[in-house]
């Protein structure tokens, strides 16, 4: 079968992947209203075509944090990719490099930062969760630095895992032949089975619910890499991110997997952008404003 669009990939994935795995990738939180709104919001944005313009040479390159990429599209962090394919994050890293764009590696990847770096050259960011044990966080940051990653994307919208009903029904857990490779040797690489979602239990046991803006400043004391605050949806938090010294923000509702009934990411982007322009902060303080949508964990 010749695949001609992304929707066809999704249909094939549903046929081939175990139900637990497909549901993990495809589902959102609670009633999944925001999951649907992420798609619907795009359908309400229309083209305004201009005519009789020379389009024989098109340049869609852009820069993010000073890095030139081939198009204004990057790969958001997506966890546990080897559940879908044996090459997992290796293949994603190679594809991003071939396309000339940025891959952000998930903390919960099934390939380590070192393994992904070994796939060859490429611009890569590292997505970071803040664990209760700050030594674990510091180790991850140092490893990302040594592996040549160019920025830290700090996820700030997950003090606890969203109530993902599909994962609860499936008793989701990481398959036994896989580990969270960045945590091997720290007794944090495996996910225990639970009465509902093994991932929810893992997050409850390991992720620090006291995470605050002070931690953005703390991260800046342990790394020279630029910090991107991932999970911003409002003008108010945009201002605080500026004040906290973030190099940029990632406008994101976590693929609608955390809190249901929040705006679609593309809708929130407008509020954030208008606020930055009004405050004249878009280029004077922030080096990057990006957004993620639909699939993003």
C-alpha atoms as a PDB file:
ATOM      1  CA  UNK A   1       0.000   0.000   0.000  1.00  0.00           C
ATOM      2  CA  UNK A   2       1.345   3.405  -0.961  1.00  0.00           C
ATOM      3  CA  UNK A   3       1.024   5.832   1.937  1.00  0.00           C
ATOM      4  CA  UNK A   4       0.234   9.358   0.804  1.00  0.00           C
ATOM      5  CA  UNK A   5      -0.641  11.233   4.010  1.00  0.00           C
ATOM      6  CA  UNK A   6      -0.274  11.190   7.778  1.00  0.00           C
ATOM      7  CA  UNK A   7      -3.821   9.960   8.380  1.00  0.00           C
ATOM      8  CA  UNK A   8      -2.999   6.763   6.506  1.00  0.00           C
ATOM      9  CA  UNK A   9       0.014   6.194   8.762  1.00  0.00           C
ATOM     10  CA  UNK A  10      -2.301   6.470  11.749  1.00  0.00           C
ATOM     11  CA  UNK A  11      -4.744   3.945  10.289  1.00  0.00           C
ATOM     12  CA  UNK A  12      -1.955   1.443   9.607  1.00  0.00           C
ATOM     13  CA  UNK A  13      -0.550   1.952  13.095  1.00  0.00           C
ATOM     14  CA  UNK A  14      -3.941   1.103  14.566  1.00  0.00           C
ATOM     15  CA  UNK A  15      -3.956  -2.140  12.581  1.00  0.00           C
ATOM     16  CA  UNK A  16      -0.422  -3.207  13.435  1.00  0.00           C
ATOM     17  CA  UNK A  17       0.304  -2.020  16.978  1.00  0.00           C
ATOM     18  CA  UNK A  18      -0.905  -3.760  20.135  1.00  0.00           C
ATOM     19  CA  UNK A  19      -3.989  -1.980  21.486  1.00  0.00           C
ATOM     20  CA  UNK A  20      -2.182  -0.833  24.640  1.00  0.00           C
ATOM     21  CA  UNK A  21       0.586   0.765  22.575  1.00  0.00           C
ATOM     22  CA  UNK A  22      -1.669   2.442  20.014  1.00  0.00           C
ATOM     23  CA  UNK A  23      -3.973   3.794  22.702  1.00  0.00           C
ATOM     24  CA  UNK A  24      -0.996   5.198  24.600  1.00  0.00           C
ATOM     25  CA  UNK A  25       0.176   7.131  21.545  1.00  0.00           C
ATOM     26  CA  UNK A  26      -3.268   8.168  20.298  1.00  0.00           C
ATOM     27  CA  UNK A  27      -5.320   9.031  23.373  1.00  0.00           C
ATOM     28  CA  UNK A  28      -5.725  12.158  25.465  1.00  0.00           C
ATOM     29  CA  UNK A  29      -6.834  12.989  28.982  1.00  0.00           C
ATOM     30  CA  UNK A  30     -10.325  12.629  30.453  1.00  0.00           C
ATOM     31  CA  UNK A  31     -13.068  13.224  27.823  1.00  0.00           C
ATOM     32  CA  UNK A  32     -10.457  13.979  25.146  1.00  0.00           C
ATOM     33  CA  UNK A  33     -12.186  17.258  24.266  1.00  0.00           C
ATOM     34  CA  UNK A  34      -8.870  19.065  23.919  1.00  0.00           C
ATOM     35  CA  UNK A  35      -7.463  16.199  21.863  1.00  0.00           C
ATOM     36  CA  UNK A  36     -10.220  16.749  19.313  1.00  0.00           C
ATOM     37  CA  UNK A  37      -9.920  20.528  19.624  1.00  0.00           C
ATOM     38  CA  UNK A  38      -6.224  20.315  18.724  1.00  0.00           C
ATOM     39  CA  UNK A  39      -7.336  19.046  15.333  1.00  0.00           C
ATOM     40  CA  UNK A  40     -10.471  21.173  15.005  1.00  0.00           C
ATOM     41  CA  UNK A  41      -8.577  24.383  15.683  1.00  0.00           C
ATOM     42  CA  UNK A  42      -6.360  23.722  12.685  1.00  0.00           C
ATOM     43  CA  UNK A  43      -9.412  23.157  10.489  1.00  0.00           C
ATOM     44  CA  UNK A  44     -10.644  26.657  11.347  1.00  0.00           C
ATOM     45  CA  UNK A  45      -7.426  28.270  10.087  1.00  0.00           C
ATOM     46  CA  UNK A  46      -7.739  29.004   6.382  1.00  0.00           C
ATOM     47  CA  UNK A  47      -5.302  30.002   3.667  1.00  0.00           C
ATOM     48  CA  UNK A  48      -5.508  33.478   2.108  1.00  0.00           C
ATOM     49  CA  UNK A  49      -3.884  32.785  -1.253  1.00  0.00           C
ATOM     50  CA  UNK A  50      -2.196  35.645  -3.112  1.00  0.00           C
ATOM     51  CA  UNK A  51      -1.823  35.284  -6.865  1.00  0.00           C
ATOM     52  CA  UNK A  52       0.612  36.236  -9.625  1.00  0.00           C
ATOM     53  CA  UNK A  53       3.660  36.034  -7.395  1.00  0.00           C
ATOM     54  CA  UNK A  54       6.873  34.330  -8.528  1.00  0.00           C
ATOM     55  CA  UNK A  55       7.058  31.038  -6.613  1.00  0.00           C
ATOM     56  CA  UNK A  56       9.826  29.426  -8.653  1.00  0.00           C
ATOM     57  CA  UNK A  57      12.194  29.775  -5.691  1.00  0.00           C
ATOM     58  CA  UNK A  58      10.782  29.203  -2.223  1.00  0.00           C
ATOM     59  CA  UNK A  59      12.749  29.551   1.004  1.00  0.00           C
ATOM     60  CA  UNK A  60      11.053  28.188   4.136  1.00  0.00           C
ATOM     61  CA  UNK A  61      14.197  27.952   6.237  1.00  0.00           C
ATOM     62  CA  UNK A  62      14.154  29.524   9.678  1.00  0.00           C
ATOM     63  CA  UNK A  63      16.271  29.697  12.823  1.00  0.00           C
ATOM     64  CA  UNK A  64      15.601  28.441  16.343  1.00  0.00           C
ATOM     65  CA  UNK A  65      18.030  29.460  19.096  1.00  0.00           C
ATOM     66  CA  UNK A  66      20.369  30.551  16.332  1.00  0.00           C
ATOM     67  CA  UNK A  67      20.310  27.174  14.581  1.00  0.00           C
ATOM     68  CA  UNK A  68      19.206  27.233  10.962  1.00  0.00           C
ATOM     69  CA  UNK A  69      16.673  24.563  10.034  1.00  0.00           C
ATOM     70  CA  UNK A  70      15.128  23.684   6.700  1.00  0.00           C
ATOM     71  CA  UNK A  71      11.521  24.421   7.653  1.00  0.00           C
ATOM     72  CA  UNK A  72       9.440  25.738  10.569  1.00  0.00           C
ATOM     73  CA  UNK A  73       8.643  22.180  11.653  1.00  0.00           C
ATOM     74  CA  UNK A  74      10.471  20.288  14.397  1.00  0.00           C
ATOM     75  CA  UNK A  75       9.981  16.940  16.123  1.00  0.00           C
ATOM     76  CA  UNK A  76       8.465  17.177  19.593  1.00  0.00           C
ATOM     77  CA  UNK A  77       9.552  14.781  22.349  1.00  0.00           C
ATOM     78  CA  UNK A  78       7.622  11.527  22.156  1.00  0.00           C
ATOM     79  CA  UNK A  79       8.277   8.852  24.751  1.00  0.00           C
ATOM     80  CA  UNK A  80       9.016   5.146  24.403  1.00  0.00           C
ATOM     81  CA  UNK A  81       9.269   5.012  20.620  1.00  0.00           C
ATOM     82  CA  UNK A  82      10.604   1.455  20.504  1.00  0.00           C
ATOM     83  CA  UNK A  83       7.138   0.272  21.471  1.00  0.00           C
ATOM     84  CA  UNK A  84       6.219   1.165  17.880  1.00  0.00           C
ATOM     85  CA  UNK A  85       9.370   0.123  16.006  1.00  0.00           C
ATOM     86  CA  UNK A  86      12.631  -1.634  16.941  1.00  0.00           C
ATOM     87  CA  UNK A  87      14.723   1.349  15.829  1.00  0.00           C
ATOM     88  CA  UNK A  88      12.610   3.816  17.801  1.00  0.00           C
ATOM     89  CA  UNK A  89      14.442   7.046  18.546  1.00  0.00           C
ATOM     90  CA  UNK A  90      17.397   6.034  16.330  1.00  0.00           C
ATOM     91  CA  UNK A  91      15.197   6.249  13.253  1.00  0.00           C
ATOM     92  CA  UNK A  92      13.619   9.502  14.401  1.00  0.00           C
ATOM     93  CA  UNK A  93      17.044  11.086  14.936  1.00  0.00           C
ATOM     94  CA  UNK A  94      18.234  10.039  11.492  1.00  0.00           C
ATOM     95  CA  UNK A  95      15.028  11.291   9.869  1.00  0.00           C
ATOM     96  CA  UNK A  96      15.269  14.685  11.589  1.00  0.00           C
ATOM     97  CA  UNK A  97      18.880  15.041  10.504  1.00  0.00           C
ATOM     98  CA  UNK A  98      18.070  14.072   6.919  1.00  0.00           C
ATOM     99  CA  UNK A  99      15.228  16.596   6.871  1.00  0.00           C
ATOM    100  CA  UNK A 100      17.462  19.315   8.281  1.00  0.00           C
ATOM    101  CA  UNK A 101      15.376  19.973  11.366  1.00  0.00           C
ATOM    102  CA  UNK A 102      15.526  19.595  15.155  1.00  0.00           C
ATOM    103  CA  UNK A 103      14.608  16.521  17.166  1.00  0.00           C
ATOM    104  CA  UNK A 104      13.798  16.853  20.862  1.00  0.00           C
ATOM    105  CA  UNK A 105      14.539  13.614  22.714  1.00  0.00           C
ATOM    106  CA  UNK A 106      12.184  12.606  25.513  1.00  0.00           C
ATOM    107  CA  UNK A 107      13.529  11.894  28.997  1.00  0.00           C
ATOM    108  CA  UNK A 108      11.447   8.725  28.785  1.00  0.00           C
ATOM    109  CA  UNK A 109      13.021   7.546  25.557  1.00  0.00           C
ATOM    110  CA  UNK A 110      13.810   3.897  24.957  1.00  0.00           C
ATOM    111  CA  UNK A 111      17.189   5.025  23.581  1.00  0.00           C
ATOM    112  CA  UNK A 112      19.667   6.992  25.673  1.00  0.00           C
ATOM    113  CA  UNK A 113      21.069  10.433  24.881  1.00  0.00           C
ATOM    114  CA  UNK A 114      24.399   8.796  24.066  1.00  0.00           C
ATOM    115  CA  UNK A 115      22.804   6.263  21.726  1.00  0.00           C
ATOM    116  CA  UNK A 116      20.853   8.943  19.872  1.00  0.00           C
ATOM    117  CA  UNK A 117      23.980  11.098  19.569  1.00  0.00           C
ATOM    118  CA  UNK A 118      25.800   8.130  18.019  1.00  0.00           C
ATOM    119  CA  UNK A 119      23.400   8.072  15.050  1.00  0.00           C
ATOM    120  CA  UNK A 120      25.324  10.925  13.463  1.00  0.00           C
ATOM    121  CA  UNK A 121      25.259  14.706  13.228  1.00  0.00           C
ATOM    122  CA  UNK A 122      22.123  16.677  13.924  1.00  0.00           C
ATOM    123  CA  UNK A 123      20.654  19.479  16.019  1.00  0.00           C
ATOM    124  CA  UNK A 124      19.017  17.927  19.062  1.00  0.00           C
ATOM    125  CA  UNK A 125      17.324  19.251  22.192  1.00  0.00           C
ATOM    126  CA  UNK A 126      16.691  17.238  25.357  1.00  0.00           C
ATOM    127  CA  UNK A 127      13.293  17.240  27.070  1.00  0.00           C
ATOM    128  CA  UNK A 128      13.589  17.149  30.846  1.00  0.00           C
ATOM    129  CA  UNK A 129      11.266  16.166  33.677  1.00  0.00           C
ATOM    130  CA  UNK A 130      12.270  17.250  37.166  1.00  0.00           C
ATOM    131  CA  UNK A 131      12.603  14.252  39.462  1.00  0.00           C
ATOM    132  CA  UNK A 132      12.348  14.425  43.235  1.00  0.00           C
ATOM    133  CA  UNK A 133      16.027  13.515  43.349  1.00  0.00           C
ATOM    134  CA  UNK A 134      17.737  16.586  41.910  1.00  0.00           C
ATOM    135  CA  UNK A 135      20.959  14.596  41.491  1.00  0.00           C
ATOM    136  CA  UNK A 136      19.159  12.547  38.848  1.00  0.00           C
ATOM    137  CA  UNK A 137      18.188  15.759  37.054  1.00  0.00           C
ATOM    138  CA  UNK A 138      21.723  17.138  37.200  1.00  0.00           C
ATOM    139  CA  UNK A 139      23.142  13.871  35.828  1.00  0.00           C
ATOM    140  CA  UNK A 140      20.718  13.915  32.897  1.00  0.00           C
ATOM    141  CA  UNK A 141      21.601  17.506  32.052  1.00  0.00           C
ATOM    142  CA  UNK A 142      25.338  16.789  32.153  1.00  0.00           C
ATOM    143  CA  UNK A 143      24.912  13.737  29.930  1.00  0.00           C
ATOM    144  CA  UNK A 144      22.895  15.753  27.417  1.00  0.00           C
ATOM    145  CA  UNK A 145      25.646  18.375  27.366  1.00  0.00           C
ATOM    146  CA  UNK A 146      28.376  15.775  26.804  1.00  0.00           C
ATOM    147  CA  UNK A 147      26.333  14.136  24.043  1.00  0.00           C
ATOM    148  CA  UNK A 148      26.167  17.410  22.138  1.00  0.00           C
ATOM    149  CA  UNK A 149      22.546  18.341  22.735  1.00  0.00           C
ATOM    150  CA  UNK A 150      21.938  22.054  22.177  1.00  0.00           C
ATOM    151  CA  UNK A 151      19.119  22.985  24.578  1.00  0.00           C
ATOM    152  CA  UNK A 152      17.019  21.745  27.489  1.00  0.00           C
ATOM    153  CA  UNK A 153      13.241  21.689  27.036  1.00  0.00           C
ATOM    154  CA  UNK A 154      11.897  21.715  30.586  1.00  0.00           C
ATOM    155  CA  UNK A 155       8.419  20.192  30.795  1.00  0.00           C
ATOM    156  CA  UNK A 156       6.422  22.130  33.384  1.00  0.00           C
ATOM    157  CA  UNK A 157       2.864  20.841  32.949  1.00  0.00           C
ATOM    158  CA  UNK A 158       3.262  17.393  34.525  1.00  0.00           C
ATOM    159  CA  UNK A 159       3.365  17.607  38.330  1.00  0.00           C
ATOM    160  CA  UNK A 160       1.195  14.532  38.020  1.00  0.00           C
ATOM    161  CA  UNK A 161       0.111  12.539  35.011  1.00  0.00           C
ATOM    162  CA  UNK A 162      -3.139  13.451  33.292  1.00  0.00           C
ATOM    163  CA  UNK A 163      -6.014  11.021  33.761  1.00  0.00           C
ATOM    164  CA  UNK A 164      -5.679   9.054  30.552  1.00  0.00           C
ATOM    165  CA  UNK A 165      -8.607   6.684  30.645  1.00  0.00           C
ATOM    166  CA  UNK A 166      -7.332   4.464  27.840  1.00  0.00           C
ATOM    167  CA  UNK A 167      -4.143   3.786  29.813  1.00  0.00           C
ATOM    168  CA  UNK A 168      -6.180   3.008  32.923  1.00  0.00           C
ATOM    169  CA  UNK A 169      -8.362   0.514  31.055  1.00  0.00           C
ATOM    170  CA  UNK A 170      -5.336  -1.104  29.393  1.00  0.00           C
ATOM    171  CA  UNK A 171      -3.278  -1.174  32.627  1.00  0.00           C
ATOM    172  CA  UNK A 172      -0.557   0.512  30.612  1.00  0.00           C
ATOM    173  CA  UNK A 173       3.056  -0.312  31.412  1.00  0.00           C
ATOM    174  CA  UNK A 174       6.306  -0.376  29.477  1.00  0.00           C
ATOM    175  CA  UNK A 175       6.773  -3.802  27.839  1.00  0.00           C
ATOM    176  CA  UNK A 176       9.275  -5.930  29.815  1.00  0.00           C
ATOM    177  CA  UNK A 177      11.812  -6.068  26.963  1.00  0.00           C
ATOM    178  CA  UNK A 178      12.181  -2.267  27.026  1.00  0.00           C
ATOM    179  CA  UNK A 179      13.553   0.226  29.540  1.00  0.00           C
ATOM    180  CA  UNK A 180      13.692   3.983  29.933  1.00  0.00           C
ATOM    181  CA  UNK A 181      17.290   3.998  28.763  1.00  0.00           C
ATOM    182  CA  UNK A 182      18.288   7.339  30.252  1.00  0.00           C
ATOM    183  CA  UNK A 183      17.655   5.893  33.709  1.00  0.00           C
ATOM    184  CA  UNK A 184      19.415   2.554  33.480  1.00  0.00           C
ATOM    185  CA  UNK A 185      21.617   2.064  36.510  1.00  0.00           C
ATOM    186  CA  UNK A 186      19.484   4.425  38.597  1.00  0.00           C
ATOM    187  CA  UNK A 187      16.723   1.907  39.386  1.00  0.00           C
ATOM    188  CA  UNK A 188      14.376   4.202  37.486  1.00  0.00           C
ATOM    189  CA  UNK A 189      14.424   2.562  34.072  1.00  0.00           C
ATOM    190  CA  UNK A 190      11.617   0.074  34.640  1.00  0.00           C
ATOM    191  CA  UNK A 191       7.926   0.688  35.124  1.00  0.00           C
ATOM    192  CA  UNK A 192       6.040  -1.480  37.602  1.00  0.00           C
ATOM    193  CA  UNK A 193       2.598  -2.829  36.846  1.00  0.00           C
ATOM    194  CA  UNK A 194      -0.239  -1.070  38.651  1.00  0.00           C
ATOM    195  CA  UNK A 195      -3.966  -1.408  39.216  1.00  0.00           C
ATOM    196  CA  UNK A 196      -4.571   1.373  36.702  1.00  0.00           C
ATOM    197  CA  UNK A 197      -1.739   3.010  34.725  1.00  0.00           C
ATOM    198  CA  UNK A 198       1.842   1.990  35.383  1.00  0.00           C
ATOM    199  CA  UNK A 199       3.030   5.313  33.968  1.00  0.00           C
ATOM    200  CA  UNK A 200       0.761   7.272  36.317  1.00  0.00           C
ATOM    201  CA  UNK A 201       2.190   5.341  39.257  1.00  0.00           C
ATOM    202  CA  UNK A 202       5.731   5.989  38.017  1.00  0.00           C
ATOM    203  CA  UNK A 203       5.103   9.728  37.750  1.00  0.00           C
ATOM    204  CA  UNK A 204       3.473   9.862  41.185  1.00  0.00           C
ATOM    205  CA  UNK A 205       6.492   8.162  42.716  1.00  0.00           C
ATOM    206  CA  UNK A 206       9.281  10.018  40.923  1.00  0.00           C
ATOM    207  CA  UNK A 207       8.268  13.419  39.534  1.00  0.00           C
ATOM    208  CA  UNK A 208       8.516  16.427  41.848  1.00  0.00           C
ATOM    209  CA  UNK A 209       5.169  18.128  42.432  1.00  0.00           C
ATOM    210  CA  UNK A 210       6.892  21.093  44.102  1.00  0.00           C
ATOM    211  CA  UNK A 211       8.308  22.195  40.741  1.00  0.00           C
ATOM    212  CA  UNK A 212       8.195  26.003  40.509  1.00  0.00           C
ATOM    213  CA  UNK A 213       9.720  28.940  38.663  1.00  0.00           C
ATOM    214  CA  UNK A 214      12.632  28.759  41.083  1.00  0.00           C
ATOM    215  CA  UNK A 215      13.644  25.518  39.382  1.00  0.00           C
ATOM    216  CA  UNK A 216      14.012  27.317  36.054  1.00  0.00           C
ATOM    217  CA  UNK A 217      16.580  29.554  37.721  1.00  0.00           C
ATOM    218  CA  UNK A 218      18.203  26.546  39.424  1.00  0.00           C
ATOM    219  CA  UNK A 219      18.659  24.811  36.070  1.00  0.00           C
ATOM    220  CA  UNK A 220      20.507  27.856  34.795  1.00  0.00           C
ATOM    221  CA  UNK A 221      23.046  27.395  37.605  1.00  0.00           C
ATOM    222  CA  UNK A 222      23.933  23.848  36.512  1.00  0.00           C
ATOM    223  CA  UNK A 223      24.069  24.266  32.728  1.00  0.00           C
ATOM    224  CA  UNK A 224      25.070  26.757  30.088  1.00  0.00           C
ATOM    225  CA  UNK A 225      22.556  25.272  27.662  1.00  0.00           C
ATOM    226  CA  UNK A 226      19.557  27.482  26.869  1.00  0.00           C
ATOM    227  CA  UNK A 227      16.391  26.553  28.773  1.00  0.00           C
ATOM    228  CA  UNK A 228      13.070  26.316  26.934  1.00  0.00           C
ATOM    229  CA  UNK A 229       9.979  26.226  29.155  1.00  0.00           C
ATOM    230  CA  UNK A 230       7.652  23.627  27.638  1.00  0.00           C
ATOM    231  CA  UNK A 231       3.962  23.724  28.514  1.00  0.00           C
ATOM    232  CA  UNK A 232       3.114  27.432  28.361  1.00  0.00           C
ATOM    233  CA  UNK A 233      -0.466  28.316  27.369  1.00  0.00           C
ATOM    234  CA  UNK A 234      -1.056  31.818  28.749  1.00  0.00           C
ATOM    235  CA  UNK A 235       0.223  35.367  28.473  1.00  0.00           C
ATOM    236  CA  UNK A 236       0.790  35.487  32.234  1.00  0.00           C
ATOM    237  CA  UNK A 237       3.153  32.517  32.248  1.00  0.00           C
ATOM    238  CA  UNK A 238       4.910  33.887  29.197  1.00  0.00           C
ATOM    239  CA  UNK A 239       5.824  37.015  31.159  1.00  0.00           C
ATOM    240  CA  UNK A 240       7.085  34.977  34.106  1.00  0.00           C
ATOM    241  CA  UNK A 241       9.184  32.829  31.770  1.00  0.00           C
ATOM    242  CA  UNK A 242      10.862  36.012  30.545  1.00  0.00           C
ATOM    243  CA  UNK A 243      11.501  37.135  34.115  1.00  0.00           C
ATOM    244  CA  UNK A 244      12.918  33.708  34.994  1.00  0.00           C
ATOM    245  CA  UNK A 245      15.577  33.930  32.325  1.00  0.00           C
ATOM    246  CA  UNK A 246      14.260  31.281  29.938  1.00  0.00           C
ATOM    247  CA  UNK A 247      15.775  31.430  26.462  1.00  0.00           C
ATOM    248  CA  UNK A 248      12.421  30.565  24.952  1.00  0.00           C
ATOM    249  CA  UNK A 249       9.089  28.857  25.442  1.00  0.00           C
ATOM    250  CA  UNK A 250       7.309  25.928  23.861  1.00  0.00           C
ATOM    251  CA  UNK A 251       3.592  26.598  23.667  1.00  0.00           C
ATOM    252  CA  UNK A 252       2.069  23.200  24.353  1.00  0.00           C
ATOM    253  CA  UNK A 253      -0.890  21.443  25.934  1.00  0.00           C
ATOM    254  CA  UNK A 254       1.113  18.202  26.032  1.00  0.00           C
ATOM    255  CA  UNK A 255      -0.799  16.780  23.097  1.00  0.00           C
ATOM    256  CA  UNK A 256      -4.012  17.114  25.154  1.00  0.00           C
ATOM    257  CA  UNK A 257      -2.707  14.355  27.406  1.00  0.00           C
ATOM    258  CA  UNK A 258      -2.476  16.299  30.664  1.00  0.00           C
ATOM    259  CA  UNK A 259      -5.405  18.624  31.406  1.00  0.00           C
ATOM    260  CA  UNK A 260      -8.589  18.350  29.370  1.00  0.00           C
ATOM    261  CA  UNK A 261     -10.649  21.433  28.443  1.00  0.00           C
ATOM    262  CA  UNK A 262      -7.670  23.699  27.871  1.00  0.00           C
ATOM    263  CA  UNK A 263      -7.264  25.567  24.573  1.00  0.00           C
ATOM    264  CA  UNK A 264      -5.840  23.912  21.519  1.00  0.00           C
ATOM    265  CA  UNK A 265      -2.144  24.644  21.305  1.00  0.00           C
ATOM    266  CA  UNK A 266      -2.485  26.564  18.044  1.00  0.00           C
ATOM    267  CA  UNK A 267      -5.171  28.745  19.673  1.00  0.00           C
ATOM    268  CA  UNK A 268      -3.017  29.505  22.711  1.00  0.00           C
ATOM    269  CA  UNK A 269      -0.140  30.477  20.437  1.00  0.00           C
ATOM    270  CA  UNK A 270      -2.016  33.597  19.345  1.00  0.00           C
ATOM    271  CA  UNK A 271      -2.439  34.858  22.927  1.00  0.00           C
ATOM    272  CA  UNK A 272       1.211  34.221  23.699  1.00  0.00           C
ATOM    273  CA  UNK A 273       2.464  35.871  20.523  1.00  0.00           C
ATOM    274  CA  UNK A 274       0.285  38.974  20.892  1.00  0.00           C
ATOM    275  CA  UNK A 275       1.482  39.381  24.472  1.00  0.00           C
ATOM    276  CA  UNK A 276       5.140  39.184  23.460  1.00  0.00           C
ATOM    277  CA  UNK A 277       4.674  41.662  20.630  1.00  0.00           C
ATOM    278  CA  UNK A 278       2.759  44.056  22.910  1.00  0.00           C
ATOM    279  CA  UNK A 279       5.523  43.917  25.504  1.00  0.00           C
ATOM    280  CA  UNK A 280       8.184  44.190  22.766  1.00  0.00           C
ATOM    281  CA  UNK A 281       9.783  41.020  24.103  1.00  0.00           C
ATOM    282  CA  UNK A 282       9.603  38.735  21.096  1.00  0.00           C
ATOM    283  CA  UNK A 283      13.158  39.348  19.921  1.00  0.00           C
ATOM    284  CA  UNK A 284      14.729  41.340  22.751  1.00  0.00           C
ATOM    285  CA  UNK A 285      14.387  38.638  25.429  1.00  0.00           C
ATOM    286  CA  UNK A 286      13.344  35.375  23.774  1.00  0.00           C
ATOM    287  CA  UNK A 287      15.476  33.550  21.262  1.00  0.00           C
ATOM    288  CA  UNK A 288      12.746  31.025  20.516  1.00  0.00           C
ATOM    289  CA  UNK A 289       8.980  30.718  20.631  1.00  0.00           C
ATOM    290  CA  UNK A 290       7.821  27.386  19.287  1.00  0.00           C
ATOM    291  CA  UNK A 291       4.725  25.300  19.671  1.00  0.00           C
ATOM    292  CA  UNK A 292       3.834  21.646  19.632  1.00  0.00           C
ATOM    293  CA  UNK A 293       0.506  20.186  18.702  1.00  0.00           C
ATOM    294  CA  UNK A 294      -1.524  16.996  18.390  1.00  0.00           C
ATOM    295  CA  UNK A 295       1.215  14.454  19.185  1.00  0.00           C
ATOM    296  CA  UNK A 296       3.517  15.405  22.021  1.00  0.00           C
ATOM    297  CA  UNK A 297       4.301  13.494  25.214  1.00  0.00           C
END
